[in-house]
Protein backbone atom coordinates (compact mmCIF):
# COMPACT_ATOMS: atom_id res chain seq x y z
CA MET A 1 -0.25 -0.06 -0.22
CA THR A 2 1.57 3.29 -1.17
CA ASN A 3 -1.41 5.71 -0.28
CA GLU A 4 -0.77 7.94 2.70
CA PHE A 5 -4.72 7.85 3.58
CA VAL A 6 -6.15 4.69 5.20
CA ILE A 7 -9.47 6.31 5.16
CA ILE A 8 -11.15 8.50 2.49
CA THR A 9 -14.59 9.45 1.68
CA HIS A 10 -16.24 11.74 -1.04
CA THR A 11 -19.36 13.26 -0.14
CA LEU A 12 -20.18 10.36 1.99
CA SER A 13 -23.77 11.01 3.13
CA LYS A 14 -26.54 8.65 5.02
CA SER A 15 -30.26 9.70 5.60
CA TYR A 16 -33.18 8.04 7.27
CA GLY A 17 -36.22 9.43 5.72
CA ASN A 18 -35.96 13.08 6.48
CA HIS A 19 -33.41 12.94 8.99
CA SER A 20 -29.87 13.43 7.66
CA ALA A 21 -27.42 11.53 9.86
CA VAL A 22 -24.25 12.31 7.82
CA GLN A 23 -23.92 15.09 4.99
CA ASP A 24 -21.31 15.20 2.32
CA LEU A 25 -18.48 13.94 4.41
CA ASN A 26 -15.06 14.48 2.57
CA LEU A 27 -12.84 12.62 5.26
CA SER A 28 -9.11 11.55 5.13
CA VAL A 29 -7.28 9.56 7.66
CA ARG A 30 -3.55 9.53 7.34
CA ARG A 31 -1.63 6.41 7.72
CA HIS A 32 0.57 5.65 11.15
CA GLN A 33 -1.32 8.20 13.03
CA ILE A 34 -3.90 8.56 15.81
CA THR A 35 -7.14 10.13 14.55
CA ALA A 36 -9.98 11.09 16.68
CA PHE A 37 -13.42 11.61 15.56
CA LEU A 38 -14.61 14.20 17.93
CA GLY A 39 -18.22 15.28 18.42
CA ARG A 40 -21.38 15.44 20.44
CA ASN A 41 -23.54 12.43 21.05
CA GLY A 42 -25.75 12.12 18.09
CA ALA A 43 -23.26 13.74 15.88
CA GLY A 44 -22.92 10.90 13.41
CA LYS A 45 -20.04 9.73 14.48
CA SER A 46 -21.26 5.84 14.66
CA THR A 47 -23.15 6.04 11.60
CA THR A 48 -19.96 7.37 9.82
CA ILE A 49 -18.20 4.12 11.10
CA LYS A 50 -20.56 1.71 9.99
CA MET A 51 -20.38 3.23 6.82
CA LEU A 52 -16.80 2.83 6.45
CA LEU A 53 -17.12 -0.79 7.81
CA GLY A 54 -19.93 -1.92 5.14
CA MET A 55 -22.48 -2.18 8.07
CA VAL A 56 -24.64 0.76 6.88
CA ARG A 57 -24.91 1.45 3.35
CA PRO A 58 -24.42 5.19 2.21
CA THR A 59 -27.35 6.93 0.88
CA SER A 60 -24.89 8.66 -1.67
CA GLY A 61 -21.17 9.44 -2.22
CA SER A 62 -18.31 6.94 -1.74
CA GLY A 63 -15.68 5.84 0.33
CA ALA A 64 -12.64 3.74 0.62
CA VAL A 65 -10.93 1.98 3.94
CA LEU A 66 -7.30 0.42 2.94
CA ASP A 67 -8.03 1.13 -0.67
CA GLN A 68 -10.92 -1.18 -0.59
CA ASN A 69 -14.14 0.14 -1.70
CA ILE A 70 -16.86 0.43 1.26
CA THR A 71 -19.82 -0.02 -0.94
CA ASP A 72 -18.48 -3.10 -2.91
CA SER A 73 -19.65 -6.28 -0.69
CA ALA A 74 -16.28 -8.43 -1.58
CA GLN A 75 -14.07 -5.44 -1.15
CA SER A 76 -15.71 -4.59 2.15
CA ARG A 77 -15.40 -8.31 3.65
CA LYS A 78 -11.65 -8.03 2.50
CA LEU A 79 -10.73 -4.72 4.34
CA ARG A 80 -12.81 -6.01 7.58
CA ARG A 81 -10.33 -8.80 7.75
CA ARG A 82 -7.62 -6.06 7.88
CA VAL A 83 -9.49 -4.21 10.58
CA ALA A 84 -9.85 -4.55 14.77
CA TYR A 85 -13.23 -2.73 15.45
CA VAL A 86 -14.76 -1.99 19.03
CA ALA A 87 -18.29 -0.94 18.55
CA GLU A 88 -20.28 1.68 20.87
CA ASP A 89 -22.21 -0.86 22.54
CA LYS A 90 -19.46 -3.43 22.81
CA PRO A 91 -21.58 -6.60 21.70
CA LEU A 92 -20.15 -9.86 23.20
CA TYR A 93 -21.35 -13.51 23.46
CA GLY A 94 -22.94 -13.35 26.76
CA TYR A 95 -22.79 -17.34 27.15
CA MET A 96 -19.11 -17.80 26.95
CA THR A 97 -16.43 -17.19 29.55
CA VAL A 98 -13.78 -14.52 29.06
CA ASP A 99 -11.34 -17.27 28.42
CA GLN A 100 -13.54 -18.98 26.00
CA ILE A 101 -14.24 -15.94 24.17
CA MET A 102 -10.70 -14.82 23.86
CA ARG A 103 -9.83 -18.26 22.61
CA PHE A 104 -12.85 -18.30 19.95
CA ALA A 105 -11.50 -14.69 18.63
CA LYS A 106 -7.95 -15.66 18.36
CA SER A 107 -8.65 -18.67 16.25
CA PHE A 108 -9.76 -16.17 13.46
CA TYR A 109 -6.72 -13.80 13.64
CA PRO A 110 -3.04 -15.17 12.53
CA ASP A 111 -1.92 -11.51 13.64
CA TRP A 112 -2.91 -12.39 17.31
CA ARG A 113 -0.67 -11.05 20.00
CA THR A 114 -0.50 -13.43 23.04
CA ASP A 115 1.79 -11.29 24.91
CA VAL A 116 -0.45 -8.41 24.43
CA GLU A 117 -3.33 -10.52 25.65
CA LYS A 118 -1.49 -11.45 28.63
CA LYS A 119 -0.64 -7.78 29.54
CA LEU A 120 -3.94 -6.37 28.96
CA LEU A 121 -5.60 -9.60 31.15
CA VAL A 122 -3.56 -8.10 34.30
CA ASP A 123 -3.67 -4.60 33.36
CA TYR A 124 -7.79 -4.83 33.09
CA GLU A 125 -8.22 -7.32 35.65
CA LEU A 126 -10.51 -9.71 33.61
CA PRO A 127 -11.75 -12.79 35.42
CA ILE A 128 -11.11 -15.42 32.92
CA ASP A 129 -13.48 -17.88 34.37
CA ARG A 130 -16.40 -15.37 34.48
CA LYS A 131 -19.31 -15.37 31.76
CA VAL A 132 -19.57 -12.42 29.86
CA LYS A 133 -23.06 -11.73 30.47
CA THR A 134 -22.27 -11.44 34.18
CA LEU A 135 -19.63 -8.53 33.51
CA SER A 136 -20.16 -4.99 34.43
CA LYS A 137 -20.35 -2.40 31.68
CA GLY A 138 -16.74 -1.42 32.36
CA THR A 139 -15.47 -5.01 32.48
CA ARG A 140 -17.24 -5.84 29.19
CA THR A 141 -15.62 -2.54 27.47
CA LYS A 142 -12.19 -3.85 28.83
CA LEU A 143 -12.77 -7.30 27.32
CA ALA A 144 -13.93 -5.52 23.80
CA LEU A 145 -10.66 -3.53 23.70
CA LEU A 146 -8.44 -6.46 24.57
CA LEU A 147 -10.13 -8.43 21.67
CA ALA A 148 -8.99 -5.59 19.50
CA LEU A 149 -5.94 -4.48 20.85
CA SER A 150 -4.42 -8.09 21.01
CA ARG A 151 -4.07 -8.31 17.11
CA MET A 152 -1.95 -6.62 14.86
CA PRO A 153 -4.06 -5.13 12.07
CA ASP A 154 -3.51 -2.17 9.70
CA LEU A 155 -6.22 -0.31 11.24
CA ILE A 156 -8.12 0.13 14.48
CA ILE A 157 -11.53 1.60 14.58
CA LEU A 158 -12.93 2.43 17.99
CA ASP A 159 -16.46 3.80 18.89
CA GLU A 160 -16.48 5.69 22.01
CA PRO A 161 -13.89 3.12 23.43
CA SER A 162 -13.65 4.59 27.02
CA GLU A 163 -17.47 4.55 27.76
CA GLY A 164 -17.91 2.74 31.06
CA LEU A 165 -14.34 2.55 32.00
CA ASP A 166 -13.12 4.08 35.09
CA PRO A 167 -10.07 6.25 35.35
CA VAL A 168 -7.61 3.52 35.64
CA GLY A 169 -9.09 1.75 32.59
CA ILE A 170 -8.94 4.72 30.56
CA GLU A 171 -5.01 5.21 31.31
CA TYR A 172 -4.58 1.77 30.20
CA LEU A 173 -6.43 2.33 27.21
CA LEU A 174 -4.76 5.60 26.14
CA SER A 175 -1.30 4.05 26.66
CA SER A 176 -2.31 0.81 24.69
CA LEU A 177 -3.44 3.26 21.99
CA VAL A 178 0.08 5.13 21.92
CA ASP A 179 1.99 1.68 22.32
CA LYS A 180 -0.02 0.57 18.86
CA ALA A 181 0.39 3.61 16.87
CA ALA A 182 4.40 3.27 17.56
CA GLU A 183 4.41 -0.19 16.33
CA GLY A 184 2.70 1.38 12.92
CA VAL A 185 -0.98 0.52 13.18
CA THR A 186 -3.34 3.36 12.23
CA ILE A 187 -5.88 4.20 14.82
CA PHE A 188 -9.27 6.29 14.33
CA PHE A 189 -11.61 6.56 17.28
CA SER A 190 -14.57 8.47 18.12
CA SER A 191 -15.11 10.34 21.11
CA HIS A 192 -16.78 12.96 22.76
CA GLN A 193 -14.09 13.30 25.62
CA ILE A 194 -12.08 16.05 24.68
CA ALA A 195 -9.49 15.64 27.48
CA GLU A 196 -8.73 11.98 26.27
CA VAL A 197 -8.52 13.05 22.74
CA GLU A 198 -5.95 16.06 23.58
CA ARG A 199 -3.71 13.39 25.23
CA VAL A 200 -3.25 11.06 22.36
CA ALA A 201 -4.44 12.18 18.98
CA ASP A 202 -2.11 13.26 16.33
CA ASN A 203 -5.21 14.47 14.22
CA VAL A 204 -8.36 15.83 15.21
CA CYS A 205 -11.76 15.60 13.17
CA ILE A 206 -14.73 17.73 14.67
CA LEU A 207 -18.33 16.39 13.54
CA GLU A 208 -21.35 18.20 14.37
CA LYS A 209 -24.90 17.01 13.08
CA GLY A 210 -23.38 15.03 10.12
CA CYS A 211 -21.27 17.62 9.15
CA LEU A 212 -17.16 17.93 9.07
CA PHE A 213 -16.23 21.20 10.48
CA LEU A 214 -12.80 20.80 11.12
CA ASP A 215 -10.21 18.37 10.12
CA GLN A 216 -6.41 19.35 11.07
CA SER A 217 -3.33 18.01 13.09
CA LEU A 218 -3.43 18.72 16.96
CA ASP A 219 -0.19 20.40 16.86
CA GLU A 220 -1.45 23.01 14.11
CA LEU A 221 -4.59 23.64 16.13
CA ARG A 222 -2.52 24.58 19.05
CA GLU A 223 -0.01 26.79 16.90
CA SER A 224 -3.03 28.52 15.08
CA TYR A 225 -5.64 29.04 17.71
CA ARG A 226 -5.22 31.95 19.86
CA ARG A 227 -7.34 34.00 22.60
CA ILE A 228 -6.54 37.76 22.29
CA ASP A 229 -7.62 39.98 25.00
CA LEU A 230 -7.37 43.80 24.46
CA VAL A 231 -7.88 46.70 26.54
CA PHE A 232 -8.45 50.31 25.41
CA ASP A 233 -9.62 53.66 26.94
CA SER A 234 -12.41 53.39 24.78
CA ALA A 235 -13.28 50.36 22.92
CA PRO A 236 -13.15 50.48 19.06
CA PRO A 237 -16.27 48.93 17.01
CA GLU A 238 -15.80 45.10 16.33
CA HIS A 239 -15.49 45.36 12.79
CA GLU A 240 -11.89 46.71 13.28
CA PHE A 241 -11.01 43.30 13.92
CA ARG A 242 -12.99 41.04 11.63
CA PHE A 243 -10.16 39.69 9.76
CA PRO A 244 -10.56 36.32 8.17
CA GLY A 245 -10.11 33.32 10.38
CA ILE A 246 -11.64 35.32 13.50
CA GLN A 247 -14.16 33.09 14.75
CA ARG A 248 -15.71 35.32 17.88
CA ILE A 249 -15.35 38.83 19.30
CA GLU A 250 -16.66 39.58 22.25
CA THR A 251 -16.85 43.36 23.75
CA ASN A 252 -17.35 44.16 27.33
CA GLY A 253 -16.68 47.95 28.11
CA HIS A 254 -13.13 48.41 27.69
CA HIS A 255 -12.39 45.07 27.15
CA VAL A 256 -12.39 43.36 23.82
CA ARG A 257 -11.50 39.47 23.38
CA VAL A 258 -11.13 38.01 19.99
CA PHE A 259 -11.05 34.11 19.45
CA ALA A 260 -8.57 33.66 16.35
CA GLN A 261 -8.17 30.62 14.06
CA ALA A 262 -5.80 32.54 11.97
CA ASN A 263 -4.63 36.11 11.82
CA ALA A 264 -4.05 36.63 15.07
CA GLU A 265 -0.82 38.91 14.24
CA ALA A 266 -3.06 40.84 12.26
CA VAL A 267 -5.44 41.46 14.91
CA ILE A 268 -2.54 42.23 17.19
CA GLU A 269 -1.09 44.91 14.67
CA ARG A 270 -4.53 46.50 14.42
CA ALA A 271 -5.01 46.87 18.00
CA ARG A 272 -1.81 48.43 18.58
CA SER A 273 -2.27 50.88 15.68
CA LEU A 274 -5.93 51.77 17.62
CA ASN A 275 -3.61 52.41 20.99
CA ALA A 276 -4.67 49.41 23.09
CA ARG A 277 -3.32 49.81 26.59
CA SER A 278 -3.19 46.22 27.03
CA VAL A 279 -2.61 43.04 24.77
CA GLU A 280 -2.77 39.73 25.84
CA VAL A 281 -2.12 36.60 23.85
CA SER A 282 -3.06 33.06 25.16
CA PRO A 283 -3.10 29.66 23.54
CA VAL A 284 -6.37 27.88 23.33
CA ALA A 285 -7.22 24.32 24.66
CA LEU A 286 -9.00 22.09 22.29
CA ARG A 287 -12.11 22.00 24.48
CA ASP A 288 -12.61 25.87 23.69
CA ILE A 289 -11.46 25.04 19.87
CA PHE A 290 -14.19 22.19 19.72
CA LEU A 291 -16.95 24.65 21.58
CA GLU A 292 -16.00 27.42 19.17
CA THR A 293 -16.19 25.38 16.44
CA ILE A 294 -19.65 24.24 17.02
CA LYS A 295 -20.84 27.61 18.02
CA GLU A 296 -19.51 29.29 14.55
CA ASN A 297 -21.03 26.66 12.40
CA ARG A 298 -23.97 26.04 14.25
CA SER A 299 -26.21 28.78 11.91
CA ALA A 300 -25.22 27.07 9.04
CA LEU A 301 -26.99 23.72 10.08
CA VAL A 302 -30.15 25.44 10.73
């Protein structure tokens, strides 16, 4: 495989009656990276993942995963052999014990890593003799993750993988994702937990109501987004700071706050030309970038 992208979609869409779950999605996921698919509950993340894996047929548009056409049945089956997937609801065979379901799973996959299995059994404190149906939600999640992470596929797709995990379980999960990426496995995971995304992701995609509004590396986001606080003797009108890339401007008396995706330097220069008494520039956390992205594009979705 020479393509630098493991997932590519073109105007991928899915509607259920009058409800549009995913709209004209153009998604590109780079090889050998951890890409986070960030969005609120109901944003369309799970629907997108199911389309990528051939579990849901798109209403329109196209896509490829590992160079395989997602709407071609034969190619979809082929790609799924090279993908480890954990669904949002973590479906497992309830009548099996933990040990039985591990033995069952590993019989299908020549890429199974016994050393990883043993490590995760200890880390996750999984009871090997207990039946799956008796496990708590968090323990079922840990088991589903073990079944995925004990393999060495080309791509791991996880849908809300930390759902039900306690803080210790989340730490082991994030550590495992970083380890897998270091081994050359591409990871694509959906989440609405911003703190987790910020800790491990190389690239962030933000989805809202089925529309993709941001697809950028986390380093670029940290470098480009700025909060600029300005103080004047008499605050100038907001239009003085309306440059391309300015997402929001707030005025409160003599204080002006500008949230900039780009052109922060232009705002600073304009402020100084208007004799600002104070100019303070601060980096912006991913949480604030996410909230601002949703706010900025909300009107376009109405």
